[in-house]
C-alpha atoms as a PDB file:
ATOM      1  CA  UNK A   1       7.623  38.807 -39.520  1.00  0.00           C
ATOM      2  CA  UNK A   2       6.392  42.308 -38.638  1.00  0.00           C
ATOM      3  CA  UNK A   3       5.733  44.538 -41.588  1.00  0.00           C
ATOM      4  CA  UNK A   4       7.187  47.977 -42.081  1.00  0.00           C
ATOM      5  CA  UNK A   5       4.804  50.681 -40.896  1.00  0.00           C
ATOM      6  CA  UNK A   6       4.027  53.403 -43.400  1.00  0.00           C
ATOM      7  CA  UNK A   7       4.607  56.675 -41.574  1.00  0.00           C
ATOM      8  CA  UNK A   8       3.518  58.897 -44.435  1.00  0.00           C
ATOM      9  CA  UNK A   9       0.460  60.709 -45.686  1.00  0.00           C
ATOM     10  CA  UNK A  10      -0.187  61.774 -49.256  1.00  0.00           C
ATOM     11  CA  UNK A  11      -1.236  65.106 -47.803  1.00  0.00           C
ATOM     12  CA  UNK A  12       2.417  65.883 -46.991  1.00  0.00           C
ATOM     13  CA  UNK A  13       3.165  67.319 -50.414  1.00  0.00           C
ATOM     14  CA  UNK A  14       4.061  70.910 -49.576  1.00  0.00           C
ATOM     15  CA  UNK A  15       7.462  70.602 -51.252  1.00  0.00           C
ATOM     16  CA  UNK A  16       5.766  69.877 -54.573  1.00  0.00           C
ATOM     17  CA  UNK A  17       4.383  73.410 -54.531  1.00  0.00           C
ATOM     18  CA  UNK A  18       7.794  75.055 -54.199  1.00  0.00           C
ATOM     19  CA  UNK A  19       8.009  77.462 -57.171  1.00  0.00           C
ATOM     20  CA  UNK A  20      11.417  76.076 -58.134  1.00  0.00           C
ATOM     21  CA  UNK A  21       9.731  72.787 -59.030  1.00  0.00           C
ATOM     22  CA  UNK A  22       6.603  74.157 -60.679  1.00  0.00           C
ATOM     23  CA  UNK A  23       6.239  74.426 -64.451  1.00  0.00           C
ATOM     24  CA  UNK A  24       5.776  78.173 -64.336  1.00  0.00           C
ATOM     25  CA  UNK A  25       9.280  78.675 -62.940  1.00  0.00           C
ATOM     26  CA  UNK A  26      11.803  80.099 -65.399  1.00  0.00           C
ATOM     27  CA  UNK A  27      14.782  79.369 -63.156  1.00  0.00           C
ATOM     28  CA  UNK A  28      17.304  77.003 -64.707  1.00  0.00           C
ATOM     29  CA  UNK A  29      18.452  74.160 -62.461  1.00  0.00           C
ATOM     30  CA  UNK A  30      21.875  74.345 -64.122  1.00  0.00           C
ATOM     31  CA  UNK A  31      22.130  78.045 -63.278  1.00  0.00           C
ATOM     32  CA  UNK A  32      20.983  77.390 -59.724  1.00  0.00           C
ATOM     33  CA  UNK A  33      23.758  74.812 -59.403  1.00  0.00           C
ATOM     34  CA  UNK A  34      26.242  77.453 -60.584  1.00  0.00           C
ATOM     35  CA  UNK A  35      24.841  79.863 -58.004  1.00  0.00           C
ATOM     36  CA  UNK A  36      25.689  77.332 -55.295  1.00  0.00           C
ATOM     37  CA  UNK A  37      29.274  77.277 -56.567  1.00  0.00           C
ATOM     38  CA  UNK A  38      29.402  81.068 -56.479  1.00  0.00           C
ATOM     39  CA  UNK A  39      28.186  80.967 -52.871  1.00  0.00           C
ATOM     40  CA  UNK A  40      30.668  78.250 -51.933  1.00  0.00           C
ATOM     41  CA  UNK A  41      33.660  79.849 -53.646  1.00  0.00           C
ATOM     42  CA  UNK A  42      32.801  83.390 -52.692  1.00  0.00           C
ATOM     43  CA  UNK A  43      33.342  84.748 -56.198  1.00  0.00           C
ATOM     44  CA  UNK A  44      32.592  84.213 -59.868  1.00  0.00           C
ATOM     45  CA  UNK A  45      36.262  83.451 -60.473  1.00  0.00           C
ATOM     46  CA  UNK A  46      36.314  80.553 -58.021  1.00  0.00           C
ATOM     47  CA  UNK A  47      32.978  79.264 -59.349  1.00  0.00           C
ATOM     48  CA  UNK A  48      34.367  79.413 -62.892  1.00  0.00           C
ATOM     49  CA  UNK A  49      37.388  77.346 -61.869  1.00  0.00           C
ATOM     50  CA  UNK A  50      35.248  74.815 -60.031  1.00  0.00           C
ATOM     51  CA  UNK A  51      32.704  74.414 -62.829  1.00  0.00           C
ATOM     52  CA  UNK A  52      34.888  74.836 -65.914  1.00  0.00           C
ATOM     53  CA  UNK A  53      32.410  77.431 -67.225  1.00  0.00           C
ATOM     54  CA  UNK A  54      34.270  80.417 -68.730  1.00  0.00           C
ATOM     55  CA  UNK A  55      34.052  83.522 -66.585  1.00  0.00           C
ATOM     56  CA  UNK A  56      32.175  85.652 -69.184  1.00  0.00           C
ATOM     57  CA  UNK A  57      29.644  82.852 -69.704  1.00  0.00           C
ATOM     58  CA  UNK A  58      29.201  82.413 -65.971  1.00  0.00           C
ATOM     59  CA  UNK A  59      28.683  86.142 -65.490  1.00  0.00           C
ATOM     60  CA  UNK A  60      26.081  86.175 -68.239  1.00  0.00           C
ATOM     61  CA  UNK A  61      24.239  83.186 -66.759  1.00  0.00           C
ATOM     62  CA  UNK A  62      24.164  84.728 -63.294  1.00  0.00           C
ATOM     63  CA  UNK A  63      22.776  87.900 -64.836  1.00  0.00           C
ATOM     64  CA  UNK A  64      20.039  85.881 -66.540  1.00  0.00           C
ATOM     65  CA  UNK A  65      19.276  84.026 -63.305  1.00  0.00           C
ATOM     66  CA  UNK A  66      18.900  87.354 -61.553  1.00  0.00           C
ATOM     67  CA  UNK A  67      16.664  88.640 -64.335  1.00  0.00           C
ATOM     68  CA  UNK A  68      14.509  85.498 -64.368  1.00  0.00           C
ATOM     69  CA  UNK A  69      14.099  85.557 -60.602  1.00  0.00           C
ATOM     70  CA  UNK A  70      13.070  89.197 -60.634  1.00  0.00           C
ATOM     71  CA  UNK A  71      15.221  89.854 -57.573  1.00  0.00           C
ATOM     72  CA  UNK A  72      18.627  91.382 -56.934  1.00  0.00           C
ATOM     73  CA  UNK A  73      20.758  88.338 -56.122  1.00  0.00           C
ATOM     74  CA  UNK A  74      24.158  90.059 -56.144  1.00  0.00           C
ATOM     75  CA  UNK A  75      25.907  93.115 -54.779  1.00  0.00           C
ATOM     76  CA  UNK A  76      28.345  94.343 -57.408  1.00  0.00           C
ATOM     77  CA  UNK A  77      31.401  96.318 -56.478  1.00  0.00           C
ATOM     78  CA  UNK A  78      35.120  96.697 -57.049  1.00  0.00           C
ATOM     79  CA  UNK A  79      35.725  93.480 -55.127  1.00  0.00           C
ATOM     80  CA  UNK A  80      33.461  91.580 -57.516  1.00  0.00           C
ATOM     81  CA  UNK A  81      30.182  89.799 -56.893  1.00  0.00           C
ATOM     82  CA  UNK A  82      28.789  89.213 -53.420  1.00  0.00           C
ATOM     83  CA  UNK A  83      25.463  87.598 -52.642  1.00  0.00           C
ATOM     84  CA  UNK A  84      22.722  89.941 -51.547  1.00  0.00           C
ATOM     85  CA  UNK A  85      20.211  89.103 -48.843  1.00  0.00           C
ATOM     86  CA  UNK A  86      17.894  87.741 -51.537  1.00  0.00           C
ATOM     87  CA  UNK A  87      20.741  85.735 -53.033  1.00  0.00           C
ATOM     88  CA  UNK A  88      21.618  84.188 -49.691  1.00  0.00           C
ATOM     89  CA  UNK A  89      17.955  83.344 -49.114  1.00  0.00           C
ATOM     90  CA  UNK A  90      17.793  81.583 -52.505  1.00  0.00           C
ATOM     91  CA  UNK A  91      20.966  79.610 -51.718  1.00  0.00           C
ATOM     92  CA  UNK A  92      19.351  78.379 -48.499  1.00  0.00           C
ATOM     93  CA  UNK A  93      16.243  77.322 -50.418  1.00  0.00           C
ATOM     94  CA  UNK A  94      18.219  75.275 -52.956  1.00  0.00           C
ATOM     95  CA  UNK A  95      20.730  73.763 -50.538  1.00  0.00           C
ATOM     96  CA  UNK A  96      19.467  70.242 -51.336  1.00  0.00           C
ATOM     97  CA  UNK A  97      20.317  70.665 -55.022  1.00  0.00           C
ATOM     98  CA  UNK A  98      23.974  69.696 -54.508  1.00  0.00           C
ATOM     99  CA  UNK A  99      22.939  66.431 -52.836  1.00  0.00           C
ATOM    100  CA  UNK A 100      20.535  65.720 -55.699  1.00  0.00           C
ATOM    101  CA  UNK A 101      23.335  66.296 -58.205  1.00  0.00           C
ATOM    102  CA  UNK A 102      25.592  63.869 -56.340  1.00  0.00           C
ATOM    103  CA  UNK A 103      22.903  61.196 -56.339  1.00  0.00           C
ATOM    104  CA  UNK A 104      22.302  61.694 -60.070  1.00  0.00           C
ATOM    105  CA  UNK A 105      26.040  61.488 -60.764  1.00  0.00           C
ATOM    106  CA  UNK A 106      26.280  58.308 -58.692  1.00  0.00           C
ATOM    107  CA  UNK A 107      23.333  56.835 -60.590  1.00  0.00           C
ATOM    108  CA  UNK A 108      24.843  57.755 -63.949  1.00  0.00           C
ATOM    109  CA  UNK A 109      28.252  56.302 -63.132  1.00  0.00           C
ATOM    110  CA  UNK A 110      26.961  53.145 -61.470  1.00  0.00           C
ATOM    111  CA  UNK A 111      28.381  49.959 -62.954  1.00  0.00           C
ATOM    112  CA  UNK A 112      25.963  47.310 -64.198  1.00  0.00           C
ATOM    113  CA  UNK A 113      25.301  44.605 -61.698  1.00  0.00           C
ATOM    114  CA  UNK A 114      23.940  44.382 -58.175  1.00  0.00           C
ATOM    115  CA  UNK A 115      23.046  47.691 -56.620  1.00  0.00           C
ATOM    116  CA  UNK A 116      25.013  48.838 -53.592  1.00  0.00           C
ATOM    117  CA  UNK A 117      22.535  49.358 -50.781  1.00  0.00           C
ATOM    118  CA  UNK A 118      23.991  51.826 -48.274  1.00  0.00           C
ATOM    119  CA  UNK A 119      23.537  50.665 -44.684  1.00  0.00           C
ATOM    120  CA  UNK A 120      24.315  52.740 -41.612  1.00  0.00           C
ATOM    121  CA  UNK A 121      24.449  51.004 -38.242  1.00  0.00           C
ATOM    122  CA  UNK A 122      26.531  50.843 -35.086  1.00  0.00           C
ATOM    123  CA  UNK A 123      29.830  48.988 -35.130  1.00  0.00           C
ATOM    124  CA  UNK A 124      28.595  45.773 -33.498  1.00  0.00           C
ATOM    125  CA  UNK A 125      25.478  45.439 -35.650  1.00  0.00           C
ATOM    126  CA  UNK A 126      27.450  46.236 -38.806  1.00  0.00           C
ATOM    127  CA  UNK A 127      30.063  43.637 -37.877  1.00  0.00           C
ATOM    128  CA  UNK A 128      27.358  41.071 -37.058  1.00  0.00           C
ATOM    129  CA  UNK A 129      25.715  41.585 -40.465  1.00  0.00           C
ATOM    130  CA  UNK A 130      29.030  41.548 -42.341  1.00  0.00           C
ATOM    131  CA  UNK A 131      29.841  38.190 -40.739  1.00  0.00           C
ATOM    132  CA  UNK A 132      26.480  36.608 -41.511  1.00  0.00           C
ATOM    133  CA  UNK A 133      25.152  38.027 -44.772  1.00  0.00           C
ATOM    134  CA  UNK A 134      26.227  35.831 -47.678  1.00  0.00           C
ATOM    135  CA  UNK A 135      26.732  36.776 -51.348  1.00  0.00           C
ATOM    136  CA  UNK A 136      23.961  35.541 -53.601  1.00  0.00           C
ATOM    137  CA  UNK A 137      24.705  35.497 -57.357  1.00  0.00           C
ATOM    138  CA  UNK A 138      21.000  35.888 -58.039  1.00  0.00           C
ATOM    139  CA  UNK A 139      20.546  38.865 -55.714  1.00  0.00           C
ATOM    140  CA  UNK A 140      20.174  42.378 -57.139  1.00  0.00           C
ATOM    141  CA  UNK A 141      21.910  44.075 -54.206  1.00  0.00           C
ATOM    142  CA  UNK A 142      25.095  43.990 -52.154  1.00  0.00           C
ATOM    143  CA  UNK A 143      25.682  45.708 -48.800  1.00  0.00           C
ATOM    144  CA  UNK A 144      27.700  48.900 -48.559  1.00  0.00           C
ATOM    145  CA  UNK A 145      28.340  49.944 -44.966  1.00  0.00           C
ATOM    146  CA  UNK A 146      28.693  53.663 -44.372  1.00  0.00           C
ATOM    147  CA  UNK A 147      29.939  55.347 -41.180  1.00  0.00           C
ATOM    148  CA  UNK A 148      27.464  55.223 -38.342  1.00  0.00           C
ATOM    149  CA  UNK A 149      28.865  58.440 -36.846  1.00  0.00           C
ATOM    150  CA  UNK A 150      28.332  60.481 -40.026  1.00  0.00           C
ATOM    151  CA  UNK A 151      25.428  62.966 -40.072  1.00  0.00           C
ATOM    152  CA  UNK A 152      23.475  60.810 -42.512  1.00  0.00           C
ATOM    153  CA  UNK A 153      19.872  61.686 -43.167  1.00  0.00           C
ATOM    154  CA  UNK A 154      17.685  58.810 -44.371  1.00  0.00           C
ATOM    155  CA  UNK A 155      14.875  61.241 -45.127  1.00  0.00           C
ATOM    156  CA  UNK A 156      17.156  62.906 -47.696  1.00  0.00           C
ATOM    157  CA  UNK A 157      18.404  59.541 -49.043  1.00  0.00           C
ATOM    158  CA  UNK A 158      21.989  59.945 -47.794  1.00  0.00           C
ATOM    159  CA  UNK A 159      21.762  56.284 -46.821  1.00  0.00           C
ATOM    160  CA  UNK A 160      19.284  53.629 -47.897  1.00  0.00           C
ATOM    161  CA  UNK A 161      18.818  51.678 -44.668  1.00  0.00           C
ATOM    162  CA  UNK A 162      19.497  52.592 -41.063  1.00  0.00           C
ATOM    163  CA  UNK A 163      19.583  50.369 -37.995  1.00  0.00           C
ATOM    164  CA  UNK A 164      18.867  52.533 -34.985  1.00  0.00           C
ATOM    165  CA  UNK A 165      18.487  52.231 -31.221  1.00  0.00           C
ATOM    166  CA  UNK A 166      15.190  54.112 -31.179  1.00  0.00           C
ATOM    167  CA  UNK A 167      12.195  54.581 -33.444  1.00  0.00           C
ATOM    168  CA  UNK A 168      12.508  57.554 -35.813  1.00  0.00           C
ATOM    169  CA  UNK A 169      10.155  60.489 -35.465  1.00  0.00           C
ATOM    170  CA  UNK A 170      10.436  61.739 -39.046  1.00  0.00           C
ATOM    171  CA  UNK A 171       7.144  61.303 -40.967  1.00  0.00           C
ATOM    172  CA  UNK A 172       8.925  60.181 -44.156  1.00  0.00           C
ATOM    173  CA  UNK A 173      10.591  57.181 -42.543  1.00  0.00           C
ATOM    174  CA  UNK A 174       9.239  53.652 -42.314  1.00  0.00           C
ATOM    175  CA  UNK A 175      10.320  51.569 -39.375  1.00  0.00           C
ATOM    176  CA  UNK A 176      10.252  47.986 -38.104  1.00  0.00           C
ATOM    177  CA  UNK A 177      11.124  46.813 -34.611  1.00  0.00           C
ATOM    178  CA  UNK A 178      13.703  44.037 -34.852  1.00  0.00           C
ATOM    179  CA  UNK A 179      14.837  42.812 -31.433  1.00  0.00           C
ATOM    180  CA  UNK A 180      15.821  43.770 -27.920  1.00  0.00           C
ATOM    181  CA  UNK A 181      19.509  44.610 -27.385  1.00  0.00           C
ATOM    182  CA  UNK A 182      20.924  43.987 -23.924  1.00  0.00           C
ATOM    183  CA  UNK A 183      24.433  44.847 -22.735  1.00  0.00           C
ATOM    184  CA  UNK A 184      26.716  43.247 -20.182  1.00  0.00           C
ATOM    185  CA  UNK A 185      30.347  43.362 -19.013  1.00  0.00           C
ATOM    186  CA  UNK A 186      32.604  40.862 -20.821  1.00  0.00           C
ATOM    187  CA  UNK A 187      36.228  39.822 -20.501  1.00  0.00           C
ATOM    188  CA  UNK A 188      38.580  36.877 -20.723  1.00  0.00           C
ATOM    189  CA  UNK A 189      39.079  34.586 -17.748  1.00  0.00           C
ATOM    190  CA  UNK A 190      41.447  36.143 -15.259  1.00  0.00           C
ATOM    191  CA  UNK A 191      41.286  39.621 -16.774  1.00  0.00           C
ATOM    192  CA  UNK A 192      41.597  42.548 -14.350  1.00  0.00           C
ATOM    193  CA  UNK A 193      38.326  44.211 -13.417  1.00  0.00           C
ATOM    194  CA  UNK A 194      39.290  47.533 -15.029  1.00  0.00           C
ATOM    195  CA  UNK A 195      37.558  48.636 -18.200  1.00  0.00           C
ATOM    196  CA  UNK A 196      38.755  49.152 -21.750  1.00  0.00           C
ATOM    197  CA  UNK A 197      36.838  51.964 -23.398  1.00  0.00           C
ATOM    198  CA  UNK A 198      36.930  54.700 -25.996  1.00  0.00           C
ATOM    199  CA  UNK A 199      38.471  58.092 -25.133  1.00  0.00           C
ATOM    200  CA  UNK A 200      36.035  60.483 -23.512  1.00  0.00           C
ATOM    201  CA  UNK A 201      34.155  62.626 -26.057  1.00  0.00           C
ATOM    202  CA  UNK A 202      30.664  64.029 -26.440  1.00  0.00           C
ATOM    203  CA  UNK A 203      29.896  61.420 -29.123  1.00  0.00           C
ATOM    204  CA  UNK A 204      30.369  58.274 -27.036  1.00  0.00           C
ATOM    205  CA  UNK A 205      27.806  55.487 -27.502  1.00  0.00           C
ATOM    206  CA  UNK A 206      25.573  54.817 -24.484  1.00  0.00           C
ATOM    207  CA  UNK A 207      27.556  51.736 -23.394  1.00  0.00           C
ATOM    208  CA  UNK A 208      30.776  53.749 -23.199  1.00  0.00           C
ATOM    209  CA  UNK A 209      29.066  56.654 -21.434  1.00  0.00           C
ATOM    210  CA  UNK A 210      27.745  54.187 -18.856  1.00  0.00           C
ATOM    211  CA  UNK A 211      31.303  53.061 -18.073  1.00  0.00           C
ATOM    212  CA  UNK A 212      32.462  56.652 -17.586  1.00  0.00           C
ATOM    213  CA  UNK A 213      29.421  57.616 -15.524  1.00  0.00           C
ATOM    214  CA  UNK A 214      29.551  54.589 -13.208  1.00  0.00           C
ATOM    215  CA  UNK A 215      33.147  53.309 -13.272  1.00  0.00           C
ATOM    216  CA  UNK A 216      35.357  56.236 -14.278  1.00  0.00           C
ATOM    217  CA  UNK A 217      37.846  55.264 -11.582  1.00  0.00           C
ATOM    218  CA  UNK A 218      38.181  51.753 -13.042  1.00  0.00           C
ATOM    219  CA  UNK A 219      39.144  52.602 -16.636  1.00  0.00           C
ATOM    220  CA  UNK A 220      42.314  50.609 -17.268  1.00  0.00           C
ATOM    221  CA  UNK A 221      43.054  51.923 -20.750  1.00  0.00           C
ATOM    222  CA  UNK A 222      41.474  53.368 -23.899  1.00  0.00           C
ATOM    223  CA  UNK A 223      41.680  52.752 -27.627  1.00  0.00           C
ATOM    224  CA  UNK A 224      40.828  54.936 -30.590  1.00  0.00           C
ATOM    225  CA  UNK A 225      38.158  52.666 -32.067  1.00  0.00           C
ATOM    226  CA  UNK A 226      35.768  49.947 -31.001  1.00  0.00           C
ATOM    227  CA  UNK A 227      37.591  47.085 -32.708  1.00  0.00           C
ATOM    228  CA  UNK A 228      40.814  47.931 -30.863  1.00  0.00           C
ATOM    229  CA  UNK A 229      38.890  47.972 -27.576  1.00  0.00           C
ATOM    230  CA  UNK A 230      37.740  44.425 -28.319  1.00  0.00           C
ATOM    231  CA  UNK A 231      41.270  43.309 -29.193  1.00  0.00           C
ATOM    232  CA  UNK A 232      42.631  44.739 -25.947  1.00  0.00           C
ATOM    233  CA  UNK A 233      39.900  42.977 -23.965  1.00  0.00           C
ATOM    234  CA  UNK A 234      40.638  39.698 -25.778  1.00  0.00           C
ATOM    235  CA  UNK A 235      44.314  40.129 -24.867  1.00  0.00           C
ATOM    236  CA  UNK A 236      43.390  40.482 -21.210  1.00  0.00           C
ATOM    237  CA  UNK A 237      43.968  44.186 -20.619  1.00  0.00           C
ATOM    238  CA  UNK A 238      40.528  44.744 -19.126  1.00  0.00           C
ATOM    239  CA  UNK A 239      36.811  44.236 -19.477  1.00  0.00           C
ATOM    240  CA  UNK A 240      34.463  45.688 -22.059  1.00  0.00           C
ATOM    241  CA  UNK A 241      30.765  46.523 -22.109  1.00  0.00           C
ATOM    242  CA  UNK A 242      29.293  44.798 -25.162  1.00  0.00           C
ATOM    243  CA  UNK A 243      25.904  44.037 -26.665  1.00  0.00           C
ATOM    244  CA  UNK A 244      25.136  40.515 -25.492  1.00  0.00           C
ATOM    245  CA  UNK A 245      24.839  39.255 -29.067  1.00  0.00           C
ATOM    246  CA  UNK A 246      28.424  40.407 -29.697  1.00  0.00           C
ATOM    247  CA  UNK A 247      29.916  39.283 -26.406  1.00  0.00           C
ATOM    248  CA  UNK A 248      28.273  35.851 -26.532  1.00  0.00           C
ATOM    249  CA  UNK A 249      29.674  35.307 -30.034  1.00  0.00           C
ATOM    250  CA  UNK A 250      33.281  35.641 -28.843  1.00  0.00           C
ATOM    251  CA  UNK A 251      34.380  32.194 -27.643  1.00  0.00           C
ATOM    252  CA  UNK A 252      37.112  33.588 -25.351  1.00  0.00           C
ATOM    253  CA  UNK A 253      34.910  36.131 -23.614  1.00  0.00           C
ATOM    254  CA  UNK A 254      32.824  35.508 -20.505  1.00  0.00           C
ATOM    255  CA  UNK A 255      30.000  37.605 -19.123  1.00  0.00           C
ATOM    256  CA  UNK A 256      30.968  39.195 -15.791  1.00  0.00           C
ATOM    257  CA  UNK A 257      27.592  40.843 -15.160  1.00  0.00           C
ATOM    258  CA  UNK A 258      23.898  40.457 -15.733  1.00  0.00           C
ATOM    259  CA  UNK A 259      22.348  42.615 -18.487  1.00  0.00           C
ATOM    260  CA  UNK A 260      22.587  46.306 -17.610  1.00  0.00           C
ATOM    261  CA  UNK A 261      19.010  47.721 -17.622  1.00  0.00           C
ATOM    262  CA  UNK A 262      20.077  51.344 -18.027  1.00  0.00           C
ATOM    263  CA  UNK A 263      21.475  50.877 -21.541  1.00  0.00           C
ATOM    264  CA  UNK A 264      19.275  48.167 -23.035  1.00  0.00           C
ATOM    265  CA  UNK A 265      17.122  49.252 -25.966  1.00  0.00           C
ATOM    266  CA  UNK A 266      15.007  48.087 -28.872  1.00  0.00           C
ATOM    267  CA  UNK A 267      16.599  47.900 -32.306  1.00  0.00           C
ATOM    268  CA  UNK A 268      14.809  49.419 -35.302  1.00  0.00           C
ATOM    269  CA  UNK A 269      15.169  48.904 -39.039  1.00  0.00           C
ATOM    270  CA  UNK A 270      14.548  52.217 -40.806  1.00  0.00           C
ATOM    271  CA  UNK A 271      14.278  53.350 -44.422  1.00  0.00           C
ATOM    272  CA  UNK A 272      12.697  56.099 -46.470  1.00  0.00           C
ATOM    273  CA  UNK A 273       9.081  55.130 -46.965  1.00  0.00           C
ATOM    274  CA  UNK A 274       9.352  55.503 -50.763  1.00  0.00           C
ATOM    275  CA  UNK A 275      12.773  53.869 -51.151  1.00  0.00           C
ATOM    276  CA  UNK A 276      11.625  50.701 -49.404  1.00  0.00           C
ATOM    277  CA  UNK A 277       9.588  49.840 -52.485  1.00  0.00           C
ATOM    278  CA  UNK A 278      12.702  49.694 -54.716  1.00  0.00           C
ATOM    279  CA  UNK A 279      13.343  45.980 -55.353  1.00  0.00           C
ATOM    280  CA  UNK A 280      17.024  45.984 -54.233  1.00  0.00           C
ATOM    281  CA  UNK A 281      16.233  47.888 -51.027  1.00  0.00           C
ATOM    282  CA  UNK A 282      13.171  45.736 -50.363  1.00  0.00           C
ATOM    283  CA  UNK A 283      15.337  42.607 -50.730  1.00  0.00           C
ATOM    284  CA  UNK A 284      18.017  44.090 -48.465  1.00  0.00           C
ATOM    285  CA  UNK A 285      15.445  44.998 -45.800  1.00  0.00           C
ATOM    286  CA  UNK A 286      14.096  41.450 -45.824  1.00  0.00           C
ATOM    287  CA  UNK A 287      17.568  39.886 -45.609  1.00  0.00           C
ATOM    288  CA  UNK A 288      18.699  42.187 -42.791  1.00  0.00           C
ATOM    289  CA  UNK A 289      15.486  41.704 -40.814  1.00  0.00           C
ATOM    290  CA  UNK A 290      15.713  37.916 -41.159  1.00  0.00           C
ATOM    291  CA  UNK A 291      19.378  37.883 -40.090  1.00  0.00           C
ATOM    292  CA  UNK A 292      18.899  40.067 -37.021  1.00  0.00           C
ATOM    293  CA  UNK A 293      15.591  38.570 -35.912  1.00  0.00           C
ATOM    294  CA  UNK A 294      16.924  35.031 -36.231  1.00  0.00           C
ATOM    295  CA  UNK A 295      19.746  36.042 -33.893  1.00  0.00           C
ATOM    296  CA  UNK A 296      17.196  37.183 -31.335  1.00  0.00           C
ATOM    297  CA  UNK A 297      15.485  33.798 -31.141  1.00  0.00           C
END
């Protein structure tokens, strides 16, 4: 089995020299988190309500944060506090802090037992894995599928594992080529030659874009999600462009075309290069790779 490539250099440590994370910084992470609430709510009053910190205490802590930073973070007036240019710049610098807090809260509230490993993949790959992965009482992980159309960033640990249709270009991500994915036109015997597809949007997957670019005049009907498109095709309302591994697995579907070269692609298993060393994620990567590569044989 191919090994994950380490796309990382120990020289890429610029973030470690950010003053916020250095020992000489006097800025409180708790106060910086409150500053984010002030920026989000637009006022101390809204930040006080969101945080539960009394308004006088919050005002005092923002004053101390301003003093410790040595910069004017707020514009004070009759309308209350507004962030200055320096304050807005600081908020941009600490934007990741909210995500870090969420991850810490999730870690603190996690129940004992197998760790949920968050997997983001396309619908057909997610469905394939959900049908074939099996619970193991001895395993220290269980799959948790997260939306593939969400703006998830593996480099920032918003998901643990991604299955992608191209190799990542981010230096913090490890990657492993899994298999070749081909697509073809499928339908039930006797189905009309019109297509079932998703409604036209800018976020269509390549297979659905191909239908609209090459057979827009043959779209029989649409459905709001991919599973409904499959159900309509199985009921005989039209044909559907599917990954061959998905179409071949449906006993009632037949291939009505050869593989379509324009939309075939390699499939890649991706994770943060540090996270892949965590035992649950390492076990999940191995199980997913074995499941998908076995299907390619």
